[in-house]
Amino acid sequence: MKLLVCGGAGFIGSNFVRIRVREHGDDVVVLDKLTYAGRRENLHDVIDDVRFVHGAIEDPSAVADAIDGVDAVVNFAAETHVDRSIAEPDAFVTTNGQGTYVLLEAARKAGVRYVQVSTDEVYGSIEEGSFTETSPLQPSSPYSATKTGADLLVLSYFHTYGLETLIARGSNNYGPYQYPEKLIPLMVLNALHGDKLPVYGDGMQVRNWLYVTDFGRGIGHVLEQGAAGEVYNVGGPDECPNIEVVKRIVSATGNDDSLIEYVTDRPGHDRRYSLSSEKLRGLGWEARVHFAEGLQQTVDWYRENTWWWEPIRSGDYREYYERQYGRALG
């Protein structure tokens, strides 16, 4: 299969590319505009096995070049960090909204299958139970609102134009190559350096944790076996409050809880996410990695791959971190 993977130099996208190249032998075209979180380094071991197109999904000419001759499009390209969406929502509207529209138009003209990679955050927060694919969409941040809008646009192209569209909504991903603004890599790198670990509010926000390769294989199931016009939840096997995640990282890095620092909660912070994945399990998918195992693998990867994160931590990210948390990195 020849795939166009948009955002394929990002965290989840690069892991998906690696799976499709190595496990399926796919011919892959990567389209990525290489923002702060999209990096060639994420594809360092497969870059010679793909065709790389440097461009944005909101650029019709770049998309037209990249989509030529492919069998399907898988779109990971998005602005994803909630904190950044609160401070700078315009970028999220452009990429997540306009960009999705441009891709859908290109896919419609080419007549190819289209998979939108989405998030559990479109459902909002849930106190008990788990969201299913028919649960109401109740986004609570500019990030999740723009992803919700993109999902609805994707579904409209199926119903209006008959385009073979599918949506895969994942729970909180973690694993190698994740940019350190997200909870787990941020805490791992701070702990390895003896810096404070900033925890929002009381830290009791519960997340449904999914190892990135499990998500990648779930998306593959949706791509190959999913029914056009359908949504599939891809949830992790374990739930864990943020504070417990941080404490496990403290232990795994040989530190103590004195590094933990509670900071003012961010606006509109969802309390709990949980996805039911029964529909996707019906296609034969199952998460392989439980959180205890995956978290240790993740800590080990960051400890062993300083070449990947040192340029980030010593570069522009240092300024962003200081603005966000009011504290300098060590």
C-alpha atoms as a PDB file:
ATOM      1  CA  MET A   1       0.000   0.000   0.000  1.00  0.00           C
ATOM      2  CA  LYS A   2       1.194   3.507  -0.763  1.00  0.00           C
ATOM      3  CA  LEU A   3       0.360   5.901   2.063  1.00  0.00           C
ATOM      4  CA  LEU A   4       0.512   9.640   2.522  1.00  0.00           C
ATOM      5  CA  VAL A   5       1.208  10.208   6.209  1.00  0.00           C
ATOM      6  CA  CYS A   6       0.621  13.847   7.124  1.00  0.00           C
ATOM      7  CA  GLY A   7       2.486  14.953  10.247  1.00  0.00           C
ATOM      8  CA  GLY A   8       4.683  11.885   9.864  1.00  0.00           C
ATOM      9  CA  ALA A   9       7.667  13.614  11.502  1.00  0.00           C
ATOM     10  CA  GLY A  10       5.757  14.176  14.742  1.00  0.00           C
ATOM     11  CA  PHE A  11       5.605  11.939  17.792  1.00  0.00           C
ATOM     12  CA  ILE A  12       2.717   9.614  16.919  1.00  0.00           C
ATOM     13  CA  GLY A  13       3.130  10.003  13.171  1.00  0.00           C
ATOM     14  CA  SER A  14       6.787   8.950  13.162  1.00  0.00           C
ATOM     15  CA  ASN A  15       6.038   5.881  15.249  1.00  0.00           C
ATOM     16  CA  PHE A  16       3.231   4.991  12.820  1.00  0.00           C
ATOM     17  CA  VAL A  17       5.570   5.429   9.838  1.00  0.00           C
ATOM     18  CA  ARG A  18       8.089   3.117  11.481  1.00  0.00           C
ATOM     19  CA  ILE A  19       5.409   0.430  11.948  1.00  0.00           C
ATOM     20  CA  ARG A  20       4.110   0.692   8.383  1.00  0.00           C
ATOM     21  CA  VAL A  21       7.573   0.604   6.800  1.00  0.00           C
ATOM     22  CA  ARG A  22       9.056  -2.148   8.944  1.00  0.00           C
ATOM     23  CA  GLU A  23       6.066  -4.384   9.662  1.00  0.00           C
ATOM     24  CA  HIS A  24       3.973  -3.897   6.518  1.00  0.00           C
ATOM     25  CA  GLY A  25       6.480  -2.877   3.855  1.00  0.00           C
ATOM     26  CA  ASP A  26       4.338   0.086   2.794  1.00  0.00           C
ATOM     27  CA  ASP A  27       5.517   2.749   0.381  1.00  0.00           C
ATOM     28  CA  VAL A  28       5.235   5.890   2.533  1.00  0.00           C
ATOM     29  CA  VAL A  29       5.188   9.583   1.648  1.00  0.00           C
ATOM     30  CA  VAL A  30       5.605  11.874   4.668  1.00  0.00           C
ATOM     31  CA  LEU A  31       4.242  15.413   4.510  1.00  0.00           C
ATOM     32  CA  ASP A  32       5.362  17.580   7.424  1.00  0.00           C
ATOM     33  CA  LYS A  33       6.050  21.287   7.875  1.00  0.00           C
ATOM     34  CA  LEU A  34       8.601  20.586  10.622  1.00  0.00           C
ATOM     35  CA  THR A  35       7.291  22.779  13.404  1.00  0.00           C
ATOM     36  CA  TYR A  36       8.874  22.673  16.863  1.00  0.00           C
ATOM     37  CA  ALA A  37       7.459  19.180  17.538  1.00  0.00           C
ATOM     38  CA  GLY A  38       7.843  17.771  14.030  1.00  0.00           C
ATOM     39  CA  ARG A  39      11.493  16.872  13.506  1.00  0.00           C
ATOM     40  CA  ARG A  40      13.486  14.905  10.962  1.00  0.00           C
ATOM     41  CA  GLU A  41      15.274  13.332  13.915  1.00  0.00           C
ATOM     42  CA  ASN A  42      12.051  11.475  14.723  1.00  0.00           C
ATOM     43  CA  LEU A  43      12.481   9.570  11.452  1.00  0.00           C
ATOM     44  CA  HIS A  44      16.257   9.181  11.637  1.00  0.00           C
ATOM     45  CA  ASP A  45      16.226   5.394  11.232  1.00  0.00           C
ATOM     46  CA  VAL A  46      13.648   5.241   8.410  1.00  0.00           C
ATOM     47  CA  ILE A  47      14.209   8.547   6.583  1.00  0.00           C
ATOM     48  CA  ASP A  48      15.902   6.756   3.667  1.00  0.00           C
ATOM     49  CA  ASP A  49      12.909   4.429   3.339  1.00  0.00           C
ATOM     50  CA  VAL A  50      10.289   7.163   2.782  1.00  0.00           C
ATOM     51  CA  ARG A  51       9.699  10.077   0.458  1.00  0.00           C
ATOM     52  CA  PHE A  52       9.737  13.265   2.518  1.00  0.00           C
ATOM     53  CA  VAL A  53       7.810  16.358   1.430  1.00  0.00           C
ATOM     54  CA  HIS A  54       8.414  19.505   3.462  1.00  0.00           C
ATOM     55  CA  GLY A  55       5.140  21.385   3.585  1.00  0.00           C
ATOM     56  CA  ALA A  56       1.970  22.221   5.497  1.00  0.00           C
ATOM     57  CA  ILE A  57      -1.390  20.496   5.172  1.00  0.00           C
ATOM     58  CA  GLU A  58      -3.029  23.890   4.760  1.00  0.00           C
ATOM     59  CA  ASP A  59      -0.923  24.463   1.606  1.00  0.00           C
ATOM     60  CA  PRO A  60      -2.847  23.026  -1.399  1.00  0.00           C
ATOM     61  CA  SER A  61       0.242  22.871  -3.631  1.00  0.00           C
ATOM     62  CA  ALA A  62       2.266  20.886  -1.084  1.00  0.00           C
ATOM     63  CA  VAL A  63      -0.653  18.521  -0.537  1.00  0.00           C
ATOM     64  CA  ALA A  64      -1.154  18.046  -4.304  1.00  0.00           C
ATOM     65  CA  ASP A  65       2.509  17.091  -4.681  1.00  0.00           C
ATOM     66  CA  ALA A  66       2.453  14.669  -1.764  1.00  0.00           C
ATOM     67  CA  ILE A  67      -0.872  12.936  -2.530  1.00  0.00           C
ATOM     68  CA  ASP A  68      -0.055  12.031  -6.122  1.00  0.00           C
ATOM     69  CA  GLY A  69      -0.328   8.268  -6.648  1.00  0.00           C
ATOM     70  CA  VAL A  70      -1.155   7.238  -3.074  1.00  0.00           C
ATOM     71  CA  ASP A  71      -3.840   4.743  -2.036  1.00  0.00           C
ATOM     72  CA  ALA A  72      -4.761   6.380   1.265  1.00  0.00           C
ATOM     73  CA  VAL A  73      -4.128   9.401   3.482  1.00  0.00           C
ATOM     74  CA  VAL A  74      -3.548   9.173   7.233  1.00  0.00           C
ATOM     75  CA  ASN A  75      -3.617  12.595   8.872  1.00  0.00           C
ATOM     76  CA  PHE A  76      -1.675  13.099  12.101  1.00  0.00           C
ATOM     77  CA  ALA A  77      -0.793  16.709  11.313  1.00  0.00           C
ATOM     78  CA  ALA A  78      -2.187  18.950  14.044  1.00  0.00           C
ATOM     79  CA  GLU A  79      -1.377  21.453  16.725  1.00  0.00           C
ATOM     80  CA  THR A  80      -1.968  19.366  19.849  1.00  0.00           C
ATOM     81  CA  HIS A  81      -0.760  20.972  23.072  1.00  0.00           C
ATOM     82  CA  VAL A  82      -3.642  22.325  25.175  1.00  0.00           C
ATOM     83  CA  ASP A  83      -1.522  24.933  26.968  1.00  0.00           C
ATOM     84  CA  ARG A  84      -0.366  26.374  23.649  1.00  0.00           C
ATOM     85  CA  SER A  85      -3.938  26.404  22.334  1.00  0.00           C
ATOM     86  CA  ILE A  86      -5.005  28.545  25.287  1.00  0.00           C
ATOM     87  CA  ALA A  87      -2.208  31.051  24.621  1.00  0.00           C
ATOM     88  CA  GLU A  88      -2.225  30.980  20.795  1.00  0.00           C
ATOM     89  CA  PRO A  89      -5.475  29.504  19.425  1.00  0.00           C
ATOM     90  CA  ASP A  90      -5.069  30.933  15.918  1.00  0.00           C
ATOM     91  CA  ALA A  91      -2.472  28.320  14.915  1.00  0.00           C
ATOM     92  CA  PHE A  92      -4.878  25.567  15.973  1.00  0.00           C
ATOM     93  CA  VAL A  93      -7.687  26.950  13.841  1.00  0.00           C
ATOM     94  CA  THR A  94      -5.380  27.157  10.815  1.00  0.00           C
ATOM     95  CA  THR A  95      -3.793  23.716  11.030  1.00  0.00           C
ATOM     96  CA  ASN A  96      -6.567  21.654  12.576  1.00  0.00           C
ATOM     97  CA  GLY A  97      -9.406  23.346  10.711  1.00  0.00           C
ATOM     98  CA  GLN A  98      -8.192  24.752   7.398  1.00  0.00           C
ATOM     99  CA  GLY A  99      -5.555  22.058   7.032  1.00  0.00           C
ATOM    100  CA  THR A 100      -8.086  19.255   7.380  1.00  0.00           C
ATOM    101  CA  TYR A 101     -10.296  20.908   4.769  1.00  0.00           C
ATOM    102  CA  VAL A 102      -7.426  21.131   2.272  1.00  0.00           C
ATOM    103  CA  LEU A 103      -6.572  17.461   2.797  1.00  0.00           C
ATOM    104  CA  LEU A 104     -10.183  16.364   2.405  1.00  0.00           C
ATOM    105  CA  GLU A 105     -10.533  18.266  -0.850  1.00  0.00           C
ATOM    106  CA  ALA A 106      -7.336  16.679  -2.179  1.00  0.00           C
ATOM    107  CA  ALA A 107      -8.463  13.212  -1.085  1.00  0.00           C
ATOM    108  CA  ARG A 108     -11.850  13.748  -2.739  1.00  0.00           C
ATOM    109  CA  LYS A 109     -10.267  14.747  -6.043  1.00  0.00           C
ATOM    110  CA  ALA A 110      -7.864  11.799  -5.877  1.00  0.00           C
ATOM    111  CA  GLY A 111     -10.598   9.363  -4.790  1.00  0.00           C
ATOM    112  CA  VAL A 112      -8.527   7.842  -1.965  1.00  0.00           C
ATOM    113  CA  ARG A 113      -9.329   6.539   1.515  1.00  0.00           C
ATOM    114  CA  TYR A 114      -8.837   9.068   4.308  1.00  0.00           C
ATOM    115  CA  VAL A 115      -8.142   8.410   8.002  1.00  0.00           C
ATOM    116  CA  GLN A 116      -8.313  11.296  10.476  1.00  0.00           C
ATOM    117  CA  VAL A 117      -6.318  10.828  13.681  1.00  0.00           C
ATOM    118  CA  SER A 118      -8.256  12.441  16.511  1.00  0.00           C
ATOM    119  CA  THR A 119      -8.361  12.519  20.299  1.00  0.00           C
ATOM    120  CA  ASP A 120     -10.467  11.530  23.293  1.00  0.00           C
ATOM    121  CA  GLU A 121     -10.522  15.212  24.249  1.00  0.00           C
ATOM    122  CA  VAL A 122     -13.338  15.870  21.760  1.00  0.00           C
ATOM    123  CA  TYR A 123     -15.690  14.158  24.233  1.00  0.00           C
ATOM    124  CA  GLY A 124     -14.736  16.365  27.170  1.00  0.00           C
ATOM    125  CA  SER A 125     -14.556  15.022  30.719  1.00  0.00           C
ATOM    126  CA  ILE A 126     -16.416  12.009  32.143  1.00  0.00           C
ATOM    127  CA  GLU A 127     -16.842  11.245  35.856  1.00  0.00           C
ATOM    128  CA  GLU A 128     -17.703   7.542  35.541  1.00  0.00           C
ATOM    129  CA  GLY A 129     -17.704   4.943  32.803  1.00  0.00           C
ATOM    130  CA  SER A 130     -16.152   5.365  29.371  1.00  0.00           C
ATOM    131  CA  PHE A 131     -16.958   7.259  26.215  1.00  0.00           C
ATOM    132  CA  THR A 132     -18.183   5.317  23.190  1.00  0.00           C
ATOM    133  CA  GLU A 133     -18.137   6.480  19.606  1.00  0.00           C
ATOM    134  CA  THR A 134     -21.731   7.734  19.949  1.00  0.00           C
ATOM    135  CA  SER A 135     -21.071   9.869  23.031  1.00  0.00           C
ATOM    136  CA  PRO A 136     -21.778  13.618  22.645  1.00  0.00           C
ATOM    137  CA  LEU A 137     -18.862  15.818  21.618  1.00  0.00           C
ATOM    138  CA  GLN A 138     -18.169  18.404  24.325  1.00  0.00           C
ATOM    139  CA  PRO A 139     -14.714  19.942  23.768  1.00  0.00           C
ATOM    140  CA  SER A 140     -13.401  22.269  26.452  1.00  0.00           C
ATOM    141  CA  SER A 141     -10.263  23.903  24.984  1.00  0.00           C
ATOM    142  CA  PRO A 142      -9.364  25.576  21.690  1.00  0.00           C
ATOM    143  CA  TYR A 143      -7.327  22.453  20.894  1.00  0.00           C
ATOM    144  CA  SER A 144     -10.162  19.986  21.408  1.00  0.00           C
ATOM    145  CA  ALA A 145     -12.685  22.347  19.797  1.00  0.00           C
ATOM    146  CA  THR A 146     -10.647  22.554  16.588  1.00  0.00           C
ATOM    147  CA  LYS A 147     -10.190  18.781  16.561  1.00  0.00           C
ATOM    148  CA  THR A 148     -13.943  18.364  17.040  1.00  0.00           C
ATOM    149  CA  GLY A 149     -14.625  20.701  14.137  1.00  0.00           C
ATOM    150  CA  ALA A 150     -12.181  18.742  11.984  1.00  0.00           C
ATOM    151  CA  ASP A 151     -13.882  15.444  12.902  1.00  0.00           C
ATOM    152  CA  LEU A 152     -17.285  16.807  11.919  1.00  0.00           C
ATOM    153  CA  LEU A 153     -15.877  18.063   8.626  1.00  0.00           C
ATOM    154  CA  VAL A 154     -14.395  14.624   7.944  1.00  0.00           C
ATOM    155  CA  LEU A 155     -17.745  12.944   8.588  1.00  0.00           C
ATOM    156  CA  SER A 156     -19.494  15.461   6.344  1.00  0.00           C
ATOM    157  CA  TYR A 157     -17.265  14.490   3.420  1.00  0.00           C
ATOM    158  CA  PHE A 158     -18.445  10.912   3.777  1.00  0.00           C
ATOM    159  CA  HIS A 159     -22.119  11.808   3.979  1.00  0.00           C
ATOM    160  CA  THR A 160     -22.052  14.562   1.335  1.00  0.00           C
ATOM    161  CA  TYR A 161     -19.471  13.372  -1.184  1.00  0.00           C
ATOM    162  CA  GLY A 162     -19.158   9.647  -0.469  1.00  0.00           C
ATOM    163  CA  LEU A 163     -15.460   9.967   0.364  1.00  0.00           C
ATOM    164  CA  GLU A 164     -14.165   6.936   2.267  1.00  0.00           C
ATOM    165  CA  THR A 165     -13.369   8.694   5.539  1.00  0.00           C
ATOM    166  CA  LEU A 166     -12.647   7.157   8.924  1.00  0.00           C
ATOM    167  CA  ILE A 167     -11.731   8.620  12.309  1.00  0.00           C
ATOM    168  CA  ALA A 168      -9.476   7.056  14.976  1.00  0.00           C
ATOM    169  CA  ARG A 169      -9.744   8.767  18.387  1.00  0.00           C
ATOM    170  CA  GLY A 170      -6.867   7.925  20.701  1.00  0.00           C
ATOM    171  CA  SER A 171      -6.428   8.315  24.432  1.00  0.00           C
ATOM    172  CA  ASN A 172      -3.303   9.891  25.977  1.00  0.00           C
ATOM    173  CA  ASN A 173      -0.273   8.565  24.112  1.00  0.00           C
ATOM    174  CA  TYR A 174       3.215   8.206  25.536  1.00  0.00           C
ATOM    175  CA  GLY A 175       6.492   6.653  24.432  1.00  0.00           C
ATOM    176  CA  PRO A 176       9.663   7.476  22.445  1.00  0.00           C
ATOM    177  CA  TYR A 177      10.053  10.728  20.472  1.00  0.00           C
ATOM    178  CA  GLN A 178       7.369  12.675  22.381  1.00  0.00           C
ATOM    179  CA  TYR A 179       8.165  16.383  22.652  1.00  0.00           C
ATOM    180  CA  PRO A 180       8.825  17.332  26.297  1.00  0.00           C
ATOM    181  CA  GLU A 181       5.950  19.768  26.714  1.00  0.00           C
ATOM    182  CA  LYS A 182       3.701  16.740  27.360  1.00  0.00           C
ATOM    183  CA  LEU A 183       3.372  15.341  30.872  1.00  0.00           C
ATOM    184  CA  ILE A 184       5.477  12.175  30.745  1.00  0.00           C
ATOM    185  CA  PRO A 185       8.553  13.349  28.790  1.00  0.00           C
ATOM    186  CA  LEU A 186       8.520  16.663  30.658  1.00  0.00           C
ATOM    187  CA  MET A 187       8.565  14.917  34.019  1.00  0.00           C
ATOM    188  CA  VAL A 188      11.141  12.336  32.930  1.00  0.00           C
ATOM    189  CA  LEU A 189      13.627  14.928  31.682  1.00  0.00           C
ATOM    190  CA  ASN A 190      13.107  17.230  34.658  1.00  0.00           C
ATOM    191  CA  ALA A 191      13.598  14.308  37.038  1.00  0.00           C
ATOM    192  CA  LEU A 192      16.772  13.206  35.249  1.00  0.00           C
ATOM    193  CA  HIS A 193      18.127  16.748  35.702  1.00  0.00           C
ATOM    194  CA  GLY A 194      16.914  17.214  39.299  1.00  0.00           C
ATOM    195  CA  ASP A 195      14.505  20.007  38.281  1.00  0.00           C
ATOM    196  CA  LYS A 196      11.134  20.555  39.908  1.00  0.00           C
ATOM    197  CA  LEU A 197       8.197  18.582  38.516  1.00  0.00           C
ATOM    198  CA  PRO A 198       5.277  21.028  37.998  1.00  0.00           C
ATOM    199  CA  VAL A 199       1.912  19.329  38.624  1.00  0.00           C
ATOM    200  CA  TYR A 200      -1.313  21.174  37.761  1.00  0.00           C
ATOM    201  CA  GLY A 201      -3.838  21.612  40.575  1.00  0.00           C
ATOM    202  CA  ASP A 202      -4.103  18.583  42.863  1.00  0.00           C
ATOM    203  CA  GLY A 203      -2.772  16.228  40.180  1.00  0.00           C
ATOM    204  CA  MET A 204      -5.859  14.030  40.340  1.00  0.00           C
ATOM    205  CA  GLN A 205      -6.738  14.412  36.659  1.00  0.00           C
ATOM    206  CA  VAL A 206      -7.208  10.844  35.402  1.00  0.00           C
ATOM    207  CA  ARG A 207      -5.995   9.783  31.969  1.00  0.00           C
ATOM    208  CA  ASN A 208      -6.363   6.581  29.941  1.00  0.00           C
ATOM    209  CA  TRP A 209      -2.736   5.856  28.960  1.00  0.00           C
ATOM    210  CA  LEU A 210      -1.912   4.272  25.578  1.00  0.00           C
ATOM    211  CA  TYR A 211       1.576   3.289  24.421  1.00  0.00           C
ATOM    212  CA  VAL A 212       2.273   4.937  21.077  1.00  0.00           C
ATOM    213  CA  THR A 213       2.916   1.721  19.123  1.00  0.00           C
ATOM    214  CA  ASP A 214      -0.411   0.324  20.308  1.00  0.00           C
ATOM    215  CA  PHE A 215      -2.096   3.418  18.914  1.00  0.00           C
ATOM    216  CA  GLY A 216      -0.163   3.091  15.654  1.00  0.00           C
ATOM    217  CA  ARG A 217      -1.316  -0.489  15.190  1.00  0.00           C
ATOM    218  CA  GLY A 218      -4.866   0.530  16.100  1.00  0.00           C
ATOM    219  CA  ILE A 219      -4.824   3.171  13.380  1.00  0.00           C
ATOM    220  CA  GLY A 220      -3.574   0.491  11.000  1.00  0.00           C
ATOM    221  CA  HIS A 221      -6.592  -1.659  11.866  1.00  0.00           C
ATOM    222  CA  VAL A 222      -8.893   1.282  11.156  1.00  0.00           C
ATOM    223  CA  LEU A 223      -7.132   2.003   7.864  1.00  0.00           C
ATOM    224  CA  GLU A 224      -7.271  -1.577   6.613  1.00  0.00           C
ATOM    225  CA  GLN A 225     -10.458  -2.962   8.147  1.00  0.00           C
ATOM    226  CA  GLY A 226     -12.601  -0.043   9.289  1.00  0.00           C
ATOM    227  CA  ALA A 227     -15.914   0.770   7.651  1.00  0.00           C
ATOM    228  CA  ALA A 228     -16.086   4.060   5.756  1.00  0.00           C
ATOM    229  CA  GLY A 229     -17.932   6.796   7.616  1.00  0.00           C
ATOM    230  CA  GLU A 230     -17.227   5.256  11.024  1.00  0.00           C
ATOM    231  CA  VAL A 231     -15.427   6.434  14.154  1.00  0.00           C
ATOM    232  CA  TYR A 232     -13.233   4.088  16.212  1.00  0.00           C
ATOM    233  CA  ASN A 233     -11.987   4.760  19.746  1.00  0.00           C
ATOM    234  CA  VAL A 234      -8.459   3.554  20.521  1.00  0.00           C
ATOM    235  CA  GLY A 235      -8.155   3.562  24.304  1.00  0.00           C
ATOM    236  CA  GLY A 236      -5.314   2.502  26.554  1.00  0.00           C
ATOM    237  CA  PRO A 237      -5.527  -0.518  28.874  1.00  0.00           C
ATOM    238  CA  ASP A 238      -4.882   1.431  32.088  1.00  0.00           C
ATOM    239  CA  GLU A 239      -6.103   4.590  33.827  1.00  0.00           C
ATOM    240  CA  CYS A 240      -3.881   6.559  36.161  1.00  0.00           C
ATOM    241  CA  PRO A 241      -4.068  10.004  37.828  1.00  0.00           C
ATOM    242  CA  ASN A 242      -1.395  12.468  36.794  1.00  0.00           C
ATOM    243  CA  ILE A 243       0.103  12.645  40.267  1.00  0.00           C
ATOM    244  CA  GLU A 244       0.532   8.875  40.333  1.00  0.00           C
ATOM    245  CA  VAL A 245       2.245   9.031  36.938  1.00  0.00           C
ATOM    246  CA  VAL A 246       4.642  11.648  38.280  1.00  0.00           C
ATOM    247  CA  LYS A 247       5.381   9.631  41.411  1.00  0.00           C
ATOM    248  CA  ARG A 248       6.150   6.555  39.315  1.00  0.00           C
ATOM    249  CA  ILE A 249       8.573   8.615  37.236  1.00  0.00           C
ATOM    250  CA  VAL A 250      10.212   9.935  40.398  1.00  0.00           C
ATOM    251  CA  SER A 251      10.765   6.361  41.546  1.00  0.00           C
ATOM    252  CA  ALA A 252      11.967   5.122  38.132  1.00  0.00           C
ATOM    253  CA  THR A 253      14.589   7.890  37.964  1.00  0.00           C
ATOM    254  CA  GLY A 254      15.872   7.323  41.501  1.00  0.00           C
ATOM    255  CA  ASN A 255      14.512  10.567  42.950  1.00  0.00           C
ATOM    256  CA  ASP A 256      12.091  11.400  45.759  1.00  0.00           C
ATOM    257  CA  ASP A 257       8.816  13.281  45.986  1.00  0.00           C
ATOM    258  CA  SER A 258      10.507  16.495  47.095  1.00  0.00           C
ATOM    259  CA  LEU A 259      10.906  17.321  43.398  1.00  0.00           C
ATOM    260  CA  ILE A 260       7.120  17.559  42.971  1.00  0.00           C
ATOM    261  CA  GLU A 261       5.761  21.107  42.908  1.00  0.00           C
ATOM    262  CA  TYR A 262       2.024  21.834  42.664  1.00  0.00           C
ATOM    263  CA  VAL A 263       1.236  24.781  40.394  1.00  0.00           C
ATOM    264  CA  THR A 264      -1.927  26.686  39.517  1.00  0.00           C
ATOM    265  CA  ASP A 265      -4.249  24.554  37.417  1.00  0.00           C
ATOM    266  CA  ARG A 266      -4.756  25.533  33.794  1.00  0.00           C
ATOM    267  CA  PRO A 267      -8.134  26.958  32.678  1.00  0.00           C
ATOM    268  CA  GLY A 268     -10.813  24.419  31.743  1.00  0.00           C
ATOM    269  CA  HIS A 269      -8.700  21.410  32.728  1.00  0.00           C
ATOM    270  CA  ASP A 270     -10.703  18.219  32.071  1.00  0.00           C
ATOM    271  CA  ARG A 271     -10.864  15.939  35.099  1.00  0.00           C
ATOM    272  CA  ARG A 272     -11.064  12.473  33.565  1.00  0.00           C
ATOM    273  CA  TYR A 273     -10.870  10.848  30.139  1.00  0.00           C
ATOM    274  CA  SER A 274     -11.805   7.246  29.427  1.00  0.00           C
ATOM    275  CA  LEU A 275     -12.446   5.488  26.123  1.00  0.00           C
ATOM    276  CA  SER A 276     -14.257   2.253  25.381  1.00  0.00           C
ATOM    277  CA  SER A 277     -12.483   0.404  22.551  1.00  0.00           C
ATOM    278  CA  GLU A 278     -14.944  -2.458  22.100  1.00  0.00           C
ATOM    279  CA  LYS A 279     -15.738  -1.432  18.532  1.00  0.00           C
ATOM    280  CA  LEU A 280     -12.066  -1.576  17.490  1.00  0.00           C
ATOM    281  CA  ARG A 281     -11.529  -4.837  19.348  1.00  0.00           C
ATOM    282  CA  GLY A 282     -14.162  -6.229  17.010  1.00  0.00           C
ATOM    283  CA  LEU A 283     -11.639  -5.667  14.221  1.00  0.00           C
ATOM    284  CA  GLY A 284      -9.036  -7.730  16.076  1.00  0.00           C
ATOM    285  CA  TRP A 285      -7.059  -4.975  17.803  1.00  0.00           C
ATOM    286  CA  GLU A 286      -5.875  -5.195  21.399  1.00  0.00           C
ATOM    287  CA  ALA A 287      -3.434  -3.044  23.353  1.00  0.00           C
ATOM    288  CA  ARG A 288      -0.231  -4.991  23.995  1.00  0.00           C
ATOM    289  CA  VAL A 289       1.610  -2.727  26.439  1.00  0.00           C
ATOM    290  CA  HIS A 290       0.351  -2.050  29.970  1.00  0.00           C
ATOM    291  CA  PHE A 291       1.254   1.217  31.615  1.00  0.00           C
ATOM    292  CA  ALA A 292       3.831  -0.061  34.134  1.00  0.00           C
ATOM    293  CA  GLU A 293       5.847  -1.722  31.380  1.00  0.00           C
ATOM    294  CA  GLY A 294       5.431   1.102  28.883  1.00  0.00           C
ATOM    295  CA  LEU A 295       6.369   3.818  31.361  1.00  0.00           C
ATOM    296  CA  GLN A 296       9.607   2.041  32.285  1.00  0.00           C
ATOM    297  CA  GLN A 297      10.436   1.583  28.595  1.00  0.00           C
ATOM    298  CA  THR A 298       9.791   5.282  28.056  1.00  0.00           C
ATOM    299  CA  VAL A 299      11.992   6.385  30.960  1.00  0.00           C
ATOM    300  CA  ASP A 300      14.757   4.108  29.684  1.00  0.00           C
ATOM    301  CA  TRP A 301      14.460   5.515  26.149  1.00  0.00           C
ATOM    302  CA  TYR A 302      14.835   9.117  27.288  1.00  0.00           C
ATOM    303  CA  ARG A 303      17.711   8.196  29.566  1.00  0.00           C
ATOM    304  CA  GLU A 304      19.523   6.471  26.688  1.00  0.00           C
ATOM    305  CA  ASN A 305      18.791   8.957  23.886  1.00  0.00           C
ATOM    306  CA  THR A 306      20.260  12.240  25.024  1.00  0.00           C
ATOM    307  CA  TRP A 307      21.174  13.029  21.393  1.00  0.00           C
ATOM    308  CA  TRP A 308      17.460  13.428  20.661  1.00  0.00           C
ATOM    309  CA  TRP A 309      16.352  15.684  23.516  1.00  0.00           C
ATOM    310  CA  GLU A 310      19.441  17.767  24.371  1.00  0.00           C
ATOM    311  CA  PRO A 311      18.937  20.194  21.429  1.00  0.00           C
ATOM    312  CA  ILE A 312      15.299  20.663  22.484  1.00  0.00           C
ATOM    313  CA  ARG A 313      15.999  21.253  26.139  1.00  0.00           C
ATOM    314  CA  SER A 314      18.831  23.695  25.451  1.00  0.00           C
ATOM    315  CA  GLY A 315      17.007  25.571  22.667  1.00  0.00           C
ATOM    316  CA  ASP A 316      13.765  27.503  22.262  1.00  0.00           C
ATOM    317  CA  TYR A 317      11.909  25.118  24.560  1.00  0.00           C
ATOM    318  CA  ARG A 318      13.805  26.535  27.523  1.00  0.00           C
ATOM    319  CA  GLU A 319      12.171  29.929  26.971  1.00  0.00           C
ATOM    320  CA  TYR A 320       8.710  28.384  26.528  1.00  0.00           C
ATOM    321  CA  TYR A 321       9.081  26.403  29.757  1.00  0.00           C
ATOM    322  CA  GLU A 322      10.103  29.466  31.722  1.00  0.00           C
ATOM    323  CA  ARG A 323       7.094  31.438  30.407  1.00  0.00           C
ATOM    324  CA  GLN A 324       4.719  28.578  31.123  1.00  0.00           C
ATOM    325  CA  TYR A 325       5.884  27.675  34.635  1.00  0.00           C
ATOM    326  CA  GLY A 326       7.717  30.787  35.823  1.00  0.00           C
ATOM    327  CA  ARG A 327      10.795  28.745  36.625  1.00  0.00           C
ATOM    328  CA  ALA A 328      14.091  28.207  34.814  1.00  0.00           C
ATOM    329  CA  LEU A 329      15.272  24.766  33.772  1.00  0.00           C
ATOM    330  CA  GLY A 330      18.416  23.530  35.444  1.00  0.00           C
END
